[in-house]
């Protein structure tokens, strides 16, 4: 059986967190709300997954009745527009890791629970650096009924790729993503972005700010993991 490398979110390919925060704030303004999420606010919110849930939780905290679905829909549209208008590029080590994995016959998957449109927009924006066709599987929220930290997306990916958990390695940039991967038995590398770097990834095999296929290779080949910087 071959191995598989599973990128757990679009944020593991491109650090989109600040664009996401900007999109939330623009959506709030569009809906005539005086909400403004600071970077410090958002960093705390990112300890849990789910944009709709963040809006709902914040509305309850503020004691304000809002149309959560409409705000989130507008936020997603604004986020996609920002990705199209902004020069975004793959994170450090991502391109080299993908190239090395493919060269060694390792399958590649993107296992996210964001929308198909978010995935498509991001992959289109970086298609000159990473071809969408390089992925053997792309999972989005149309494939599962529950988001992370549920392991549903990873269970689906294992089934579709005909892999077992011990033949895969997941890469995640947030706490709920790591929980989802490890809940399905998949060893997970924490690759936090600028707004999740201070989170404690105790369930991850290790934490890095630059992906390296050689460093993660022992996990795929079931050998002892070397020390990581």
Foldseek 3Di string as FASTA:
>chain_A
DAFAEEEAAVCQFWVLQVLLLVLLQVLCVVVVHPDHQDLVNVLVVLLDDDPLVVVVVVCVVVVHDDDSVSSVVSSLVSSLVCLVVDQIGTFAAPLVLLVVCVVVPHAYEYQYAADPSVVVSNCVSHCVRPNPVSHPYYHYNVVDPDHFPALVSVVVVCVVVVHQQQQYEYEYAHQRSLSNSVVSVHAYEHQHDPSNVPPDNVSHPYYDVHDDNVQCVCSNVVHDGDDDD
